[in-house]
Each structure stands twice: as structure tokens, then as C-alpha cells.
Amino acid sequence: MKKLFLLLFAAAAFAACDDDKDYGTANEEYSGTLTVTLLSDPSQVYTFDDKRFSLVSADDGTLTLWMHETQFVPQMPVLTMEVPGIAYTRMPERLNLSGERLVPKMGGTPYEKYVITNLAGTLTDAEPSDRLTLSFECMGFRVAYAGTETD
């Protein structure tokens, strides 16, 4: 009986230590740095710290990126943008994110003229917190983001 109890306790302890993420099924929020470079003049670089991004799973098996209170240049108004349709591939310890042509939404309205192209990134299972890195092109800018998961 003691051996059975000990085995059950060991199995329960082992299961409690299993901290694998089920990426793509929950709302994950990140805080990080947004770096924006003008494609026609790479010397023009804008950096914004403490920017919040979220990834949310969608019913169609893709992810939706939310860029909260974001701007690409200082003159741009601060907006919250939703980017649906991001594909992902599961790898050990990470998700690879991709999107060739994604139409962002603001306030639920699609904005074709602000199409996002060449989106690539990773969501990495790292301790003590997960990391999101991604880049894409939009309106003549190269946009890069690096953030860590917030609790």
C-alpha cells in the first residue's frame, strides 16, 4: 500500500511540474519594444517602448494579433489594431508565425489600404516568461516587435 501511495504521489508531482504551453488556444499578452524603419530611408527609425501586443486564437485555426495603443511614427494617432488570419506552425518550445497578406481592422472595420505583408515571427516558450518576436511591412515601413509575456 505504501508503494502504491508513493507511486501516486510521484505521478502527481511529475504532472504538476509539466508546464508545457498549449499555444494558440488562449489570450496571451506581451509588453515590449516596437521598432519602425522607413523602407525608403532606413536611417529613419522610430522606437516605442512598453507596447502591448496580444495573441488570441481564432475559430478558423489561426491567430489574431492585437496591437494595443500603437503608432508607427510620432505623427500617427495612437490606435488599437486587430490583425486576423495569422498562420502558425507548432514546433518544440515555440510557434512559428506567418502571413503573406493580412488586412488589419480598427474598430472591427477592415482597412485594405493598410495591408500587412511578409509577417514572420516566433512565440517562444521561455522561462521565466514567454517571448514574442515578429516583423512585417505596412505602409512603407518595416515593423519589428520584441516582447515578453505579462502576467
Protein backbone atom coordinates (compact mmCIF):
# COMPACT_ATOMS: atom_id res chain seq x y z
CA MET A 1 0.00 0.00 0.00
CA LYS A 2 2.86 2.35 0.84
CA LYS A 3 4.44 1.73 -2.58
CA LEU A 4 1.15 2.48 -4.36
CA PHE A 5 0.73 5.70 -2.39
CA LEU A 6 4.33 6.68 -3.15
CA LEU A 7 3.88 5.98 -6.88
CA LEU A 8 0.65 8.02 -6.98
CA PHE A 9 2.35 10.89 -5.16
CA ALA A 10 5.32 10.81 -7.58
CA ALA A 11 2.99 10.77 -10.60
CA ALA A 12 1.00 13.71 -9.23
CA ALA A 13 4.17 15.68 -8.52
CA PHE A 14 5.51 14.97 -12.01
CA ALA A 15 2.23 16.07 -13.63
CA ALA A 16 2.20 19.28 -11.59
CA CYS A 17 5.65 20.15 -12.94
CA ASP A 18 4.53 19.80 -16.56
CA ASP A 19 4.42 23.45 -17.61
CA ASP A 20 4.01 23.00 -21.38
CA LYS A 21 2.03 25.76 -23.07
CA ASP A 22 -0.90 24.96 -25.30
CA TYR A 23 -0.05 27.77 -27.71
CA GLY A 24 -2.74 29.09 -29.96
CA THR A 25 -5.63 28.40 -27.63
CA ALA A 26 -5.64 31.35 -25.25
CA ASN A 27 -5.23 35.07 -25.00
CA GLU A 28 -1.56 35.81 -24.33
CA GLU A 29 -0.43 39.39 -23.66
CA TYR A 30 3.08 40.79 -24.18
CA SER A 31 4.90 44.02 -23.39
CA GLY A 32 7.88 45.06 -25.46
CA THR A 33 9.63 47.33 -27.91
CA LEU A 34 8.29 48.30 -31.32
CA THR A 35 10.92 49.42 -33.85
CA VAL A 36 9.72 51.01 -37.09
CA THR A 37 12.02 51.69 -40.06
CA LEU A 38 11.08 53.66 -43.17
CA LEU A 39 11.77 51.33 -46.12
CA SER A 40 12.68 54.18 -48.50
CA ASP A 41 15.13 55.70 -45.97
CA PRO A 42 16.46 53.16 -43.44
CA SER A 43 18.13 55.97 -41.48
CA GLN A 44 14.66 56.96 -40.25
CA VAL A 45 13.99 54.66 -37.31
CA TYR A 46 11.35 55.13 -34.61
CA THR A 47 11.35 53.17 -31.35
CA PHE A 48 8.42 52.84 -28.97
CA ASP A 49 8.85 51.12 -25.59
CA ASP A 50 6.27 49.40 -23.38
CA LYS A 51 3.95 48.49 -26.27
CA ARG A 52 1.29 45.87 -25.56
CA PHE A 53 0.54 43.15 -28.11
CA SER A 54 -1.83 40.20 -27.63
CA LEU A 55 -2.29 36.93 -29.48
CA VAL A 56 -5.73 35.33 -29.45
CA SER A 57 -6.78 32.06 -31.05
CA ALA A 58 -9.48 32.31 -33.70
CA ASP A 59 -12.23 29.83 -34.56
CA ASP A 60 -10.68 29.19 -38.00
CA GLY A 61 -7.44 27.77 -36.55
CA THR A 62 -5.39 30.95 -37.00
CA LEU A 63 -4.25 33.59 -34.54
CA THR A 64 -5.31 37.21 -34.25
CA LEU A 65 -2.72 39.79 -33.27
CA TRP A 66 -3.91 42.81 -31.29
CA MET A 67 -1.60 45.84 -31.25
CA HIS A 68 -2.84 47.99 -28.37
CA GLU A 69 -2.37 51.77 -28.45
CA THR A 70 0.18 51.56 -31.26
CA GLN A 71 1.65 54.05 -33.68
CA PHE A 72 4.32 53.61 -36.35
CA VAL A 73 5.58 57.23 -36.37
CA PRO A 74 5.19 60.02 -33.81
CA GLN A 75 2.74 61.90 -36.09
CA MET A 76 0.40 58.91 -36.35
CA PRO A 77 -2.54 58.81 -33.96
CA VAL A 78 -2.40 56.08 -31.34
CA LEU A 79 -4.62 53.20 -32.49
CA THR A 80 -5.59 49.69 -31.46
CA MET A 81 -5.28 47.39 -34.47
CA GLU A 82 -6.50 43.84 -34.91
CA VAL A 83 -4.70 41.59 -37.42
CA PRO A 84 -6.65 38.37 -38.04
CA GLY A 85 -5.59 35.34 -40.07
CA ILE A 86 -2.04 34.72 -38.84
CA ALA A 87 -0.97 31.17 -39.63
CA TYR A 88 1.22 29.23 -37.25
CA THR A 89 3.23 26.03 -37.15
CA ARG A 90 3.88 24.20 -33.89
CA MET A 91 7.49 23.32 -33.14
CA PRO A 92 9.04 22.07 -29.91
CA GLU A 93 9.13 25.01 -27.47
CA ARG A 94 7.75 27.55 -29.99
CA LEU A 95 5.23 28.58 -32.61
CA ASN A 96 6.37 29.96 -35.97
CA LEU A 97 4.02 32.74 -37.12
CA SER A 98 3.46 33.79 -40.74
CA GLY A 99 1.24 35.83 -43.02
CA GLU A 100 1.77 37.00 -46.59
CA ARG A 101 -1.09 39.49 -46.91
CA LEU A 102 -3.21 40.38 -43.89
CA VAL A 103 -5.87 43.08 -43.71
CA PRO A 104 -5.90 44.83 -40.32
CA LYS A 105 -9.06 46.00 -38.63
CA MET A 106 -9.67 49.04 -36.48
CA GLY A 107 -12.88 49.14 -34.51
CA GLY A 108 -13.96 45.98 -36.36
CA THR A 109 -13.66 47.66 -39.79
CA PRO A 110 -11.16 46.19 -42.30
CA TYR A 111 -8.63 48.65 -43.75
CA GLU A 112 -7.35 47.33 -47.10
CA LYS A 113 -5.10 50.36 -47.63
CA TYR A 114 -3.07 49.40 -44.53
CA VAL A 115 -2.42 45.81 -45.64
CA ILE A 116 0.29 43.97 -43.68
CA THR A 117 2.71 41.87 -45.73
CA ASN A 118 5.57 39.47 -45.05
CA LEU A 119 4.66 38.85 -41.42
CA ALA A 120 7.07 36.43 -39.76
CA GLY A 121 7.70 35.71 -36.11
CA THR A 122 8.02 33.30 -33.24
CA LEU A 123 6.31 32.73 -29.95
CA THR A 124 8.88 31.02 -27.74
CA ASP A 125 8.27 29.09 -24.54
CA ALA A 126 10.98 30.58 -22.34
CA GLU A 127 11.38 30.86 -18.59
CA PRO A 128 10.51 32.92 -16.67
CA SER A 129 8.17 34.28 -19.37
CA ASP A 130 7.33 33.58 -23.00
CA ARG A 131 8.76 35.77 -25.77
CA LEU A 132 7.03 37.12 -28.87
CA THR A 133 9.11 38.41 -31.76
CA LEU A 134 7.67 39.39 -35.10
CA SER A 135 8.20 41.64 -38.09
CA PHE A 136 6.11 42.79 -41.03
CA GLU A 137 5.77 45.53 -43.63
CA CYS A 138 2.97 48.09 -43.66
CA MET A 139 2.50 51.45 -45.44
CA GLY A 140 6.16 51.67 -46.48
CA PHE A 141 7.53 50.73 -43.06
CA ARG A 142 9.33 47.68 -41.71
CA VAL A 143 7.87 47.00 -38.26
CA ALA A 144 9.62 44.78 -35.69
CA TYR A 145 8.40 43.82 -32.23
CA ALA A 146 10.08 42.00 -29.35
CA GLY A 147 8.17 41.45 -26.12
CA THR A 148 7.78 39.20 -23.11
CA GLU A 149 4.59 37.77 -21.66
CA THR A 150 2.91 39.76 -18.93
CA ASP A 151 1.12 38.10 -16.04
